Protein backbone atom coordinates (compact mmCIF):
# COMPACT_ATOMS: atom_id res chain seq x y z
CA UNK A 1 -6.18 -58.20 -21.06
CA UNK A 2 -4.95 -55.35 -22.98
CA UNK A 3 -3.92 -52.16 -21.77
CA UNK A 4 -4.86 -49.05 -23.72
CA UNK A 5 -1.97 -47.04 -24.77
CA UNK A 6 -0.16 -45.11 -27.74
CA UNK A 7 3.28 -45.62 -28.93
CA UNK A 8 5.50 -43.65 -31.74
CA UNK A 9 8.86 -44.78 -33.02
CA UNK A 10 11.15 -44.31 -35.58
CA UNK A 11 10.52 -47.67 -37.15
CA UNK A 12 7.18 -49.66 -37.83
CA UNK A 13 8.59 -52.70 -36.39
CA UNK A 14 9.95 -51.02 -33.06
CA UNK A 15 6.48 -49.55 -32.62
CA UNK A 16 4.85 -52.78 -33.54
CA UNK A 17 6.71 -54.52 -30.64
CA UNK A 18 5.47 -51.96 -28.12
CA UNK A 19 1.91 -52.07 -29.51
CA UNK A 20 2.05 -56.09 -29.32
CA UNK A 21 3.06 -55.57 -25.58
CA UNK A 22 0.31 -53.12 -24.66
CA UNK A 23 -2.13 -55.84 -26.18
CA UNK A 24 -0.76 -58.28 -24.25
CA UNK A 25 -1.46 -56.65 -21.06
CA UNK A 26 1.86 -54.91 -20.43
CA UNK A 27 2.40 -51.30 -19.15
CA UNK A 28 3.86 -48.53 -20.92
CA UNK A 29 7.19 -49.43 -19.41
CA UNK A 30 6.85 -53.13 -20.63
CA UNK A 31 6.19 -51.69 -24.05
CA UNK A 32 9.05 -49.37 -24.11
CA UNK A 33 11.31 -52.21 -23.10
CA UNK A 34 10.20 -54.22 -25.82
CA UNK A 35 10.61 -51.38 -28.31
CA UNK A 36 14.32 -50.82 -27.28
CA UNK A 37 14.99 -54.38 -27.72
CA UNK A 38 13.41 -54.10 -31.34
CA UNK A 39 15.02 -51.01 -32.31
CA UNK A 40 18.33 -52.70 -31.65
CA UNK A 41 17.43 -54.89 -34.43
CA UNK A 42 15.47 -52.80 -36.98
CA UNK A 43 17.62 -49.55 -36.45
CA UNK A 44 21.16 -51.10 -36.33
CA UNK A 45 22.87 -47.76 -37.09
CA UNK A 46 20.81 -45.77 -34.69
CA UNK A 47 20.39 -48.12 -31.69
CA UNK A 48 22.59 -50.68 -30.51
CA UNK A 49 22.94 -53.30 -27.59
CA UNK A 50 26.63 -51.88 -27.86
CA UNK A 51 25.48 -48.29 -27.37
CA UNK A 52 23.41 -46.34 -24.91
CA UNK A 53 20.83 -43.77 -24.00
CA UNK A 54 18.46 -42.03 -21.55
CA UNK A 55 14.94 -43.00 -20.56
CA UNK A 56 12.57 -40.60 -18.76
CA UNK A 57 9.96 -42.31 -16.82
CA UNK A 58 6.91 -41.00 -15.08
CA UNK A 59 4.98 -44.14 -13.26
CA UNK A 60 1.27 -42.92 -12.57
CA UNK A 61 0.98 -40.89 -9.39
CA UNK A 62 4.88 -40.60 -8.88
CA UNK A 63 7.59 -38.21 -9.61
CA UNK A 64 9.48 -38.43 -12.82
CA UNK A 65 12.95 -40.12 -12.96
CA UNK A 66 15.79 -40.07 -15.53
CA UNK A 67 17.51 -43.37 -16.20
CA UNK A 68 20.91 -42.47 -17.55
CA UNK A 69 22.39 -45.64 -19.31
CA UNK A 70 24.54 -43.59 -21.72
CA UNK A 71 28.06 -44.71 -22.39
CA UNK A 72 31.04 -44.01 -20.20
CA UNK A 73 34.63 -43.22 -20.65
CA UNK A 74 37.05 -46.01 -19.89
CA UNK A 75 39.04 -46.24 -16.79
CA UNK A 76 42.48 -46.16 -18.04
CA UNK A 77 44.21 -45.08 -21.26
CA UNK A 78 46.69 -46.75 -23.43
CA UNK A 79 49.29 -44.94 -26.04
CA UNK A 80 47.60 -43.71 -29.09
CA UNK A 81 49.99 -45.86 -31.26
CA UNK A 82 48.51 -48.94 -29.73
CA UNK A 83 44.89 -47.76 -30.75
CA UNK A 84 42.81 -49.07 -33.78
CA UNK A 85 41.14 -45.55 -34.45
CA UNK A 86 40.88 -44.72 -38.29
CA UNK A 87 39.31 -41.82 -39.69
CA UNK A 88 36.21 -42.53 -41.89
CA UNK A 89 34.28 -39.99 -44.06
CA UNK A 90 30.69 -40.15 -44.13
CA UNK A 91 28.55 -38.64 -46.96
CA UNK A 92 25.25 -37.13 -46.43
CA UNK A 93 22.69 -36.02 -48.86
CA UNK A 94 23.59 -33.34 -51.15
CA UNK A 95 27.28 -34.37 -51.07
CA UNK A 96 28.10 -32.79 -47.26
CA UNK A 97 30.76 -35.15 -45.68
CA UNK A 98 31.80 -35.36 -42.13
CA UNK A 99 34.66 -37.31 -40.61
CA UNK A 100 34.01 -39.76 -38.02
CA UNK A 101 36.43 -42.38 -36.31
CA UNK A 102 36.00 -46.16 -36.27
CA UNK A 103 37.77 -49.18 -34.67
CA UNK A 104 37.81 -50.47 -31.12
CA UNK A 105 39.66 -47.41 -29.97
CA UNK A 106 36.54 -45.34 -30.70
CA UNK A 107 34.38 -47.60 -28.42
CA UNK A 108 33.18 -46.04 -24.95
CA UNK A 109 31.69 -48.48 -22.05
CA UNK A 110 28.18 -49.35 -23.51
CA UNK A 111 25.22 -49.00 -21.06
CA UNK A 112 22.29 -50.22 -23.33
CA UNK A 113 22.03 -53.71 -21.82
CA UNK A 114 22.35 -52.43 -18.16
CA UNK A 115 19.66 -49.72 -19.02
CA UNK A 116 17.11 -52.41 -20.21
CA UNK A 117 17.58 -54.37 -17.13
CA UNK A 118 17.52 -51.72 -14.62
CA UNK A 119 14.16 -50.42 -16.23
CA UNK A 120 12.55 -54.01 -16.15
CA UNK A 121 13.81 -54.20 -12.57
CA UNK A 122 12.18 -51.15 -11.33
CA UNK A 123 9.26 -50.89 -13.72
CA UNK A 124 8.47 -53.93 -15.89
CA UNK A 125 5.62 -56.12 -15.17
CA UNK A 126 5.89 -58.73 -17.91
CA UNK A 127 8.66 -61.35 -18.12
CA UNK A 128 11.90 -60.30 -19.79
CA UNK A 129 11.81 -62.91 -22.44
CA UNK A 130 8.38 -61.70 -23.43
CA UNK A 131 9.62 -58.54 -23.95
CA UNK A 132 12.57 -59.31 -26.14
CA UNK A 133 10.61 -61.74 -28.24
CA UNK A 134 9.62 -59.61 -30.93
CA UNK A 135 13.50 -58.44 -31.47
CA UNK A 136 14.68 -62.06 -31.12
CA UNK A 137 11.98 -62.88 -33.96
CA UNK A 138 13.03 -60.18 -36.02
CA UNK A 139 16.88 -60.82 -35.84
CA UNK A 140 16.26 -64.67 -36.42
CA UNK A 141 13.68 -64.29 -39.39
CA UNK A 142 14.87 -60.96 -40.86
CA UNK A 143 13.65 -57.45 -41.03
CA UNK A 144 12.81 -55.63 -44.17
CA UNK A 145 15.23 -52.87 -44.73
CA UNK A 146 13.11 -49.84 -45.39
CA UNK A 147 14.33 -46.84 -47.21
CA UNK A 148 15.07 -44.68 -44.23
CA UNK A 149 17.31 -47.24 -42.61
CA UNK A 150 18.93 -47.84 -46.16
CA UNK A 151 19.67 -44.45 -46.61
CA UNK A 152 21.07 -44.16 -42.94
CA UNK A 153 23.12 -47.29 -43.68
CA UNK A 154 24.42 -45.56 -46.83
CA UNK A 155 25.77 -42.56 -44.89
CA UNK A 156 28.05 -44.76 -42.58
CA UNK A 157 29.05 -47.29 -45.32
CA UNK A 158 32.64 -46.72 -44.75
CA UNK A 159 32.04 -47.59 -40.99
CA UNK A 160 29.62 -50.68 -41.93
CA UNK A 161 32.35 -51.97 -44.30
CA UNK A 162 34.95 -51.46 -41.61
CA UNK A 163 35.92 -55.23 -41.09
CA UNK A 164 35.05 -58.63 -42.38
CA UNK A 165 32.46 -59.17 -39.67
CA UNK A 166 30.41 -55.83 -40.40
CA UNK A 167 30.75 -56.37 -44.09
CA UNK A 168 29.16 -59.71 -43.65
CA UNK A 169 26.37 -58.67 -41.14
CA UNK A 170 25.56 -55.57 -43.31
CA UNK A 171 26.53 -56.06 -46.80
CA UNK A 172 24.63 -56.52 -49.96
CA UNK A 173 24.73 -60.28 -51.20
CA UNK A 174 27.55 -60.78 -53.53
CA UNK A 175 29.92 -57.75 -52.54
CA UNK A 176 33.76 -58.15 -52.09
CA UNK A 177 35.98 -56.49 -49.50
CA UNK A 178 37.10 -54.04 -52.21
CA UNK A 179 33.54 -53.18 -53.33
CA UNK A 180 31.43 -53.01 -50.26
CA UNK A 181 27.77 -52.05 -50.63
CA UNK A 182 25.27 -51.97 -47.89
CA UNK A 183 22.36 -54.53 -47.88
CA UNK A 184 19.56 -53.34 -50.34
CA UNK A 185 16.49 -51.48 -49.75
CA UNK A 186 13.48 -53.74 -49.19
CA UNK A 187 15.91 -56.85 -48.51
CA UNK A 188 15.37 -58.89 -45.68
CA UNK A 189 18.23 -58.57 -43.16
CA UNK A 190 18.82 -61.58 -41.05
CA UNK A 191 21.10 -61.32 -38.02
CA UNK A 192 21.11 -64.83 -36.66
CA UNK A 193 24.11 -64.01 -34.19
CA UNK A 194 22.34 -61.07 -32.78
CA UNK A 195 19.30 -63.28 -32.21
CA UNK A 196 21.53 -65.66 -30.16
CA UNK A 197 23.04 -62.91 -28.33
CA UNK A 198 19.49 -61.83 -27.39
CA UNK A 199 18.70 -65.41 -26.15
CA UNK A 200 21.85 -65.35 -23.99
CA UNK A 201 20.89 -62.11 -22.39
CA UNK A 202 17.28 -63.07 -21.58
CA UNK A 203 18.71 -66.21 -20.25
CA UNK A 204 21.50 -64.89 -18.16
CA UNK A 205 20.78 -61.13 -17.79
CA UNK A 206 23.09 -57.92 -18.10
CA UNK A 207 25.60 -60.13 -16.00
CA UNK A 208 26.41 -62.04 -19.47
CA UNK A 209 27.50 -58.48 -21.06
CA UNK A 210 29.33 -57.13 -18.20
CA UNK A 211 31.05 -60.21 -16.55
CA UNK A 212 30.17 -63.13 -18.70
CA UNK A 213 30.79 -64.40 -22.16
CA UNK A 214 29.94 -61.42 -23.99
CA UNK A 215 32.13 -59.35 -21.63
CA UNK A 216 35.07 -61.70 -22.31
CA UNK A 217 34.69 -61.58 -26.11
CA UNK A 218 34.89 -57.62 -26.02
CA UNK A 219 37.67 -57.46 -23.76
CA UNK A 220 39.98 -59.94 -25.46
CA UNK A 221 39.11 -58.20 -28.94
CA UNK A 222 40.05 -54.77 -27.29
CA UNK A 223 43.14 -55.92 -25.80
CA UNK A 224 44.36 -57.52 -29.09
CA UNK A 225 43.07 -54.90 -31.69
CA UNK A 226 43.57 -51.66 -30.23
CA UNK A 227 40.46 -50.84 -27.98
CA UNK A 228 40.23 -49.26 -24.33
CA UNK A 229 37.70 -51.47 -22.70
CA UNK A 230 38.76 -53.75 -19.86
CA UNK A 231 36.97 -56.13 -17.57
CA UNK A 232 37.25 -53.44 -14.95
CA UNK A 233 35.44 -50.91 -17.35
CA UNK A 234 32.43 -53.37 -17.85
CA UNK A 235 32.22 -54.68 -14.19
CA UNK A 236 31.91 -51.19 -12.60
CA UNK A 237 29.39 -49.74 -14.96
CA UNK A 238 26.32 -48.72 -13.54
CA UNK A 239 22.97 -47.28 -14.66
CA UNK A 240 22.26 -43.94 -12.75
CA UNK A 241 19.17 -42.44 -11.74
CA UNK A 242 18.66 -38.69 -11.51
CA UNK A 243 16.16 -36.17 -10.81
CA UNK A 244 14.98 -34.49 -14.28
CA UNK A 245 15.01 -30.85 -14.91
CA UNK A 246 11.80 -29.03 -14.30
CA UNK A 247 10.92 -25.87 -16.33
CA UNK A 248 7.74 -24.00 -16.03
CA UNK A 249 5.80 -23.15 -19.35
CA UNK A 250 3.11 -20.73 -19.93
CA UNK A 251 0.18 -23.84 -20.01
CA UNK A 252 2.14 -26.44 -18.25
CA UNK A 253 5.51 -27.99 -17.23
CA UNK A 254 8.46 -29.28 -19.10
CA UNK A 255 10.36 -32.31 -17.71
CA UNK A 256 13.88 -32.47 -19.26
CA UNK A 257 17.10 -34.64 -19.21
CA UNK A 258 19.49 -33.14 -16.63
CA UNK A 259 23.38 -32.70 -16.44
CA UNK A 260 25.86 -34.12 -17.60
CA UNK A 261 23.31 -34.42 -20.65
CA UNK A 262 23.55 -31.04 -22.34
CA UNK A 263 20.42 -31.13 -24.45
CA UNK A 264 17.78 -30.77 -21.80
CA UNK A 265 19.65 -27.83 -19.90
CA UNK A 266 20.04 -26.00 -23.43
CA UNK A 267 16.58 -26.86 -24.56
CA UNK A 268 15.15 -25.54 -21.00
CA UNK A 269 17.39 -22.20 -21.39
CA UNK A 270 15.41 -21.61 -24.67
CA UNK A 271 12.07 -22.44 -23.00
CA UNK A 272 12.71 -19.98 -20.30
CA UNK A 273 13.91 -17.19 -22.51
CA UNK A 274 10.73 -17.66 -24.45
CA UNK A 275 8.22 -17.83 -21.66
CA UNK A 276 8.18 -14.22 -21.04
CA UNK A 277 8.65 -12.88 -24.52
CA UNK A 278 5.98 -12.12 -27.07
CA UNK A 279 6.17 -14.87 -29.90
CA UNK A 280 3.50 -13.44 -31.64
CA UNK A 281 1.48 -16.11 -33.78
CA UNK A 282 3.35 -19.16 -35.32
CA UNK A 283 4.79 -18.24 -38.56
CA UNK A 284 4.52 -14.50 -38.11
CA UNK A 285 7.04 -11.65 -38.26
CA UNK A 286 7.25 -11.63 -34.77
CA UNK A 287 7.57 -15.35 -34.13
CA UNK A 288 10.14 -15.83 -36.89
CA UNK A 289 12.24 -12.85 -35.10
CA UNK A 290 11.90 -14.13 -31.61
CA UNK A 291 12.47 -17.74 -31.97
CA UNK A 292 15.58 -17.31 -34.40
CA UNK A 293 16.97 -14.93 -31.86
CA UNK A 294 16.51 -17.63 -29.04
CA UNK A 295 18.26 -20.11 -31.33
CA UNK A 296 21.37 -17.85 -31.87
CA UNK A 297 21.20 -17.03 -28.04
CA UNK A 298 21.16 -20.66 -27.17
CA UNK A 299 23.91 -21.29 -29.42
CA UNK A 300 25.98 -18.46 -28.14
CA UNK A 301 25.52 -19.60 -24.39
CA UNK A 302 26.36 -23.00 -25.31
CA UNK A 303 29.76 -22.09 -26.83
CA UNK A 304 30.47 -19.62 -23.77
CA UNK A 305 29.05 -21.82 -21.12
CA UNK A 306 28.54 -25.23 -22.18
CA UNK A 307 25.44 -26.87 -20.59
CA UNK A 308 26.08 -25.77 -17.02
CA UNK A 309 22.92 -25.69 -15.02
CA UNK A 310 23.63 -22.16 -13.87
CA UNK A 311 22.29 -20.97 -17.33
CA UNK A 312 18.84 -21.93 -15.94
CA UNK A 313 18.82 -19.22 -13.21
CA UNK A 314 16.47 -16.64 -13.40
CA UNK A 315 18.97 -13.66 -13.39
CA UNK A 316 21.12 -15.14 -15.80
CA UNK A 317 17.93 -16.04 -18.28
CA UNK A 318 16.69 -12.59 -17.52
CA UNK A 319 20.05 -10.91 -18.63
CA UNK A 320 19.81 -12.80 -22.22
CA UNK A 321 16.09 -12.24 -22.36
CA UNK A 322 16.77 -8.51 -22.32
CA UNK A 323 19.19 -8.71 -25.17
CA UNK A 324 16.58 -10.31 -27.28
CA UNK A 325 13.63 -8.23 -25.78
CA UNK A 326 10.98 -7.00 -28.16
CA UNK A 327 12.99 -5.67 -30.86
CA UNK A 328 11.77 -3.91 -33.90
CA UNK A 329 10.58 -6.29 -36.54
CA UNK A 330 12.82 -6.17 -39.43
CA UNK A 331 22.97 -33.32 -39.28
CA UNK A 332 24.74 -38.71 -35.66
CA UNK A 333 22.96 -41.68 -35.05
CA UNK A 334 19.92 -41.18 -32.77
CA UNK A 335 16.45 -42.69 -32.48
CA UNK A 336 13.53 -42.04 -30.17
CA UNK A 337 10.59 -43.94 -28.56
CA UNK A 338 7.52 -42.63 -26.71
CA UNK A 339 4.86 -44.64 -24.98
CA UNK A 340 1.81 -43.98 -22.59
CA UNK A 341 -0.82 -45.94 -21.18
CA UNK A 342 -4.27 -45.47 -19.82
CA UNK A 343 -3.04 -45.37 -16.16
CA UNK A 344 -1.03 -42.24 -16.73
CA UNK A 345 2.41 -44.09 -17.04
CA UNK A 346 4.75 -42.17 -19.53
CA UNK A 347 8.02 -43.24 -20.86
CA UNK A 348 10.34 -41.47 -23.21
CA UNK A 349 13.50 -43.04 -24.45
CA UNK A 350 16.30 -41.82 -26.73
CA UNK A 351 18.95 -44.20 -28.09
CA UNK A 352 22.25 -43.59 -29.75
CA UNK A 353 24.92 -45.97 -31.15
CA UNK A 354 27.13 -42.74 -32.35
CA UNK A 355 27.64 -43.44 -35.96
CA UNK A 356 28.97 -47.08 -35.10
CA UNK A 357 32.88 -47.85 -34.83
CA UNK A 358 32.59 -50.72 -37.65
CA UNK A 359 33.65 -53.10 -35.04
CA UNK A 360 31.36 -55.78 -33.27
CA UNK A 361 31.65 -57.90 -30.07
CA UNK A 362 33.26 -60.87 -31.90
CA UNK A 363 30.62 -63.53 -33.10
CA UNK A 364 27.66 -61.75 -31.34
CA UNK A 365 26.07 -59.73 -34.07
CA UNK A 366 26.30 -56.66 -31.45
CA UNK A 367 27.51 -53.45 -33.28
CA UNK A 368 29.64 -51.31 -30.75
CA UNK A 369 29.62 -47.52 -30.42
CA UNK A 370 32.00 -45.11 -31.52
CA UNK A 371 31.46 -42.29 -28.89
CA UNK A 372 35.13 -41.77 -28.36
CA UNK A 373 35.57 -40.95 -32.05
CA UNK A 374 32.75 -38.24 -32.28
CA UNK A 375 34.02 -34.80 -32.29
CA UNK A 376 30.89 -33.49 -30.66
CA UNK A 377 31.72 -35.50 -27.79
CA UNK A 378 35.40 -35.01 -27.42
CA UNK A 379 35.53 -30.97 -27.29
CA UNK A 380 39.07 -31.28 -25.95
CA UNK A 381 40.21 -33.46 -28.69
CA UNK A 382 40.33 -36.92 -29.32
CA UNK A 383 41.81 -39.14 -26.55
CA UNK A 384 41.93 -36.27 -24.00
CA UNK A 385 38.76 -37.12 -22.10
CA UNK A 386 38.56 -37.70 -18.46
CA UNK A 387 38.67 -41.35 -17.29
CA UNK A 388 35.63 -43.14 -15.83
CA UNK A 389 32.92 -40.48 -16.38
CA UNK A 390 29.62 -40.46 -18.03
CA UNK A 391 30.00 -38.72 -21.47
CA UNK A 392 27.64 -35.71 -22.38
CA UNK A 393 24.91 -35.82 -25.02
CA UNK A 394 22.45 -33.73 -26.77
CA UNK A 395 19.62 -36.37 -26.44
CA UNK A 396 16.61 -34.95 -24.67
CA UNK A 397 13.99 -37.62 -23.75
CA UNK A 398 11.04 -35.32 -22.18
CA UNK A 399 7.57 -35.10 -20.78
CA UNK A 400 5.22 -32.12 -21.23
CA UNK A 401 2.66 -32.02 -18.24
CA UNK A 402 -0.35 -29.46 -19.28
CA UNK A 403 -2.62 -27.76 -17.14
CA UNK A 404 -5.48 -29.12 -19.31
CA UNK A 405 -4.46 -32.92 -18.42
CA UNK A 406 -2.48 -33.66 -21.67
CA UNK A 407 0.33 -35.95 -20.51
CA UNK A 408 2.98 -36.00 -23.55
CA UNK A 409 5.90 -38.02 -23.77
CA UNK A 410 8.36 -36.92 -26.41
CA UNK A 411 11.82 -36.74 -27.77
CA UNK A 412 13.80 -36.49 -30.97
CA UNK A 413 17.02 -37.82 -32.92
CA UNK A 414 19.15 -35.23 -34.61
CA UNK A 415 22.59 -34.77 -32.85
CA UNK A 416 23.03 -31.00 -32.04
CA UNK A 417 19.87 -30.02 -33.49
CA UNK A 418 17.92 -31.86 -30.90
CA UNK A 419 18.01 -28.84 -28.62
CA UNK A 420 16.34 -26.39 -31.06
CA UNK A 421 14.04 -29.08 -32.51
CA UNK A 422 12.81 -29.89 -28.86
CA UNK A 423 12.60 -26.37 -27.86
CA UNK A 424 10.38 -25.38 -31.09
CA UNK A 425 7.76 -28.56 -30.54
CA UNK A 426 7.26 -27.84 -26.98
CA UNK A 427 6.72 -24.25 -27.68
CA UNK A 428 4.13 -25.49 -30.19
CA UNK A 429 2.30 -27.16 -27.69
CA UNK A 430 2.52 -24.76 -24.77
CA UNK A 431 2.35 -21.63 -26.43
CA UNK A 432 0.64 -22.09 -29.74
CA UNK A 433 -1.76 -24.90 -28.49
CA UNK A 434 -1.16 -27.31 -31.57
CA UNK A 435 -2.36 -30.65 -31.86
CA UNK A 436 0.39 -33.29 -31.30
CA UNK A 437 0.43 -33.92 -35.26
CA UNK A 438 0.85 -30.14 -36.11
CA UNK A 439 3.42 -29.58 -33.38
CA UNK A 440 5.49 -31.98 -34.94
CA UNK A 441 4.85 -31.29 -38.69
CA UNK A 442 5.42 -27.60 -38.42
CA UNK A 443 8.36 -26.12 -40.13
CA UNK A 444 11.74 -25.67 -38.10
CA UNK A 445 14.73 -23.78 -37.74
CA UNK A 446 18.18 -24.14 -36.43
CA UNK A 447 21.14 -22.02 -35.48
CA UNK A 448 24.61 -23.06 -35.46
CA UNK A 449 28.09 -21.74 -36.89
CA UNK A 450 26.70 -18.40 -37.66
CA UNK A 451 24.08 -19.77 -39.99
CA UNK A 452 20.22 -20.07 -39.49
CA UNK A 453 18.94 -23.20 -41.24
CA UNK A 454 15.25 -22.97 -42.25
CA UNK A 455 12.72 -25.52 -43.33
CA UNK A 456 10.34 -24.84 -46.10
CA UNK A 457 6.69 -23.53 -44.94
CA UNK A 458 7.66 -20.01 -43.66
CA UNK A 459 6.94 -17.09 -45.43
CA UNK A 460 10.12 -15.84 -47.59
CA UNK A 461 9.26 -12.27 -47.46
CA UNK A 462 9.27 -12.39 -43.70
CA UNK A 463 12.47 -14.43 -43.81
CA UNK A 464 13.88 -11.78 -45.99
CA UNK A 465 13.47 -9.19 -43.01
CA UNK A 466 14.88 -11.19 -40.09
CA UNK A 467 17.92 -9.91 -38.36
CA UNK A 468 19.74 -13.15 -39.01
CA UNK A 469 20.32 -12.78 -42.84
CA UNK A 470 22.91 -15.62 -43.05
CA UNK A 471 20.18 -18.30 -43.99
CA UNK A 472 20.19 -21.70 -45.60
CA UNK A 473 16.72 -22.23 -46.76
CA UNK A 474 16.03 -25.71 -47.20
CA UNK A 475 13.92 -26.87 -50.23
CA UNK A 476 12.20 -29.76 -48.29
CA UNK A 477 11.88 -31.16 -44.96
CA UNK A 478 14.76 -33.22 -43.77
CA UNK A 479 16.26 -35.53 -41.12
CA UNK A 480 18.58 -32.54 -40.42
CA UNK A 481 15.87 -30.96 -38.46
CA UNK A 482 15.50 -34.06 -36.07
CA UNK A 483 12.48 -36.51 -35.74
CA UNK A 484 10.07 -36.06 -32.81
CA UNK A 485 8.04 -38.98 -31.95
CA UNK A 486 5.38 -38.51 -29.31
CA UNK A 487 2.49 -40.07 -27.40
CA UNK A 488 0.03 -38.32 -25.06
CA UNK A 489 -2.88 -39.37 -22.80
CA UNK A 490 -5.56 -36.67 -21.32
CA UNK A 491 -5.59 -37.72 -18.07
CA UNK A 492 -9.10 -35.80 -17.84
CA UNK A 493 -10.61 -37.14 -20.86
CA UNK A 494 -8.76 -40.74 -21.05
CA UNK A 495 -7.97 -39.85 -24.80
CA UNK A 496 -4.89 -41.34 -26.53
CA UNK A 497 -3.08 -39.84 -29.31
CA UNK A 498 0.33 -40.24 -31.10
CA UNK A 499 2.37 -38.83 -33.69
CA UNK A 500 5.65 -40.04 -35.63
CA UNK A 501 7.76 -37.39 -37.58
CA UNK A 502 7.99 -38.31 -41.38
CA UNK A 503 11.35 -36.55 -41.29
CA UNK A 504 12.67 -39.67 -39.48
CA UNK A 505 10.45 -42.53 -40.66
CA UNK A 506 7.86 -41.84 -37.89
CA UNK A 507 5.28 -44.61 -36.98
CA UNK A 508 2.54 -44.73 -34.52
CA UNK A 509 0.03 -47.01 -32.90
CA UNK A 510 -2.93 -46.43 -30.80
CA UNK A 511 -4.19 -49.39 -28.53
CA UNK A 512 -7.87 -48.43 -27.61
C-alpha cells in the first residue's frame, strides 16, 4: 500500500527512485535511501559510492539527528614524492577556470556506503535489495545523460579523462586517449561494472566495501599507484550521529548541520543576525541592504573565526548585528535530495564526490572522491591535514519546522555558496512567508572575496545604492547560486508540496 509523500532531487531518475519506493509502501527514509543509490548512477560527478555526505533525519514524533558519513582524512601519511596527485584545470561557463587535483593521492576515506547501510539499519523498513533496485537497473540498462549532467561532466573533463578506466566509463564512443570527449548529451550511459558492485553490496553489505573484495582492490591500487588509503583506514571508518544545531527563527525553528561541518554554523549565524533586523519587503532597498550586509558579515566571520560554534552565541551575534544595525539606506560537486511522508518523517541529504579524483576502485565502476585535492577543504595547504579526522564541509541538509505546521526538508548544492543560498531560502520561508516554489525561485546574492554576486530579478536602481558597490550582476540565473530541492508536509492540514531548483536541474514528485 503506497505511502503519501513528496520528493525533490537534482535528477529525474533520482527523484523517480524515491517516488517508486513511496508508491511501494516505503517511508521517507526508505525513499531517500533509494534516491541516494540512484544519484550515484544518474549524477556520477556529484554523487558516488566513493564519496560521502550528510543526512538530516527526523522520524515522526522524535528529535532530529544528523548522520555524518562524510569523508575522513587517512590515518597515516606517505612522502609526497610517492603520491599520485596531479593538477587538473576545470573550465566553467564563461571560461572561468579553477584548479583541482586528481589521482589516488587526492582520495580521502569514503563514507557513502557506510552511510547508506547505517541509515537503513536505523530507519529503513523495506529490504535493501528493493531500495537499490532502481540504481542497479539504471547502471545495467543505462541512464540518459541529460543536458545538466553533460554540462557538469564537461567542467571536469580533465578528471574524467584522467586514466584508461575513467575514459572508458565516461568517454564518448570512438574517442582516443589523446582526444578525450565526455559522453554525448542524450546518449544512454551504461555502467555494467557499477551494476555488479551494487549487487555485491546488496548481497554482502557495507562489509564488502570496508573489509571485503572492494576494500582489497582499493587498498592495493593506492599502495601501487600513490594513494593514502590503507586497510586500516577502511576498517576503522564509522558513521557518526550528531545532534543538530537548532536556531530559532521568527515563525519557526531551523534544524542545521552541526560542526565539524561549517555550512550549518555559518547559515545559522546569518539567520540569527537576521532575526532581529528589519528586513523590509523582499526586493526592496531595506531587504537588499540588510541581506547583502549579513552575507558580507558572515564571510568576514568565516575568515576570522572559521565555523566555530561560538559564533552562534547571543553576545557574539549581537555585536555583529549592531555593526549592521538599521543603517541609512543608500561555483564543487554536490547534489541534494529531500523527502517527506504523510506520517511526518523528514529526510534531507546532501552528497558530494568533490570534483572526482579521476580514479576508480579498479573494475568496480565506483568513481573516487578527490577531497584531499580540494583547496577549500585544505586551508593549511595540501597534505598538511591532521590524520584520522572527519573533514569539514559547507553542505547543509536542513529542516524548517514552522509554527503553522509546515515541516520542510531542504538543502542545496553549490560549494561555498551553500551558506548564503540556504540562509536566503530559509528567510524567504520564515520572514517573507513565501511558498516553497517561490522561496526557491526568488533571486539570490552571494558575497565572497570582496565581491557581491547578484542574480537577475532585483531592481537595478536599488542595487546602485547598496553600500557594497563591488558587484557582479549576472545576466541569468545559474548553478553558481546553488540548487535548493525541498519537500514539505503541513502536519495540520496533511498537505504535501515539493519544489526542485531549476538552477540545478530540479525535479519533484508528489505521491498523493
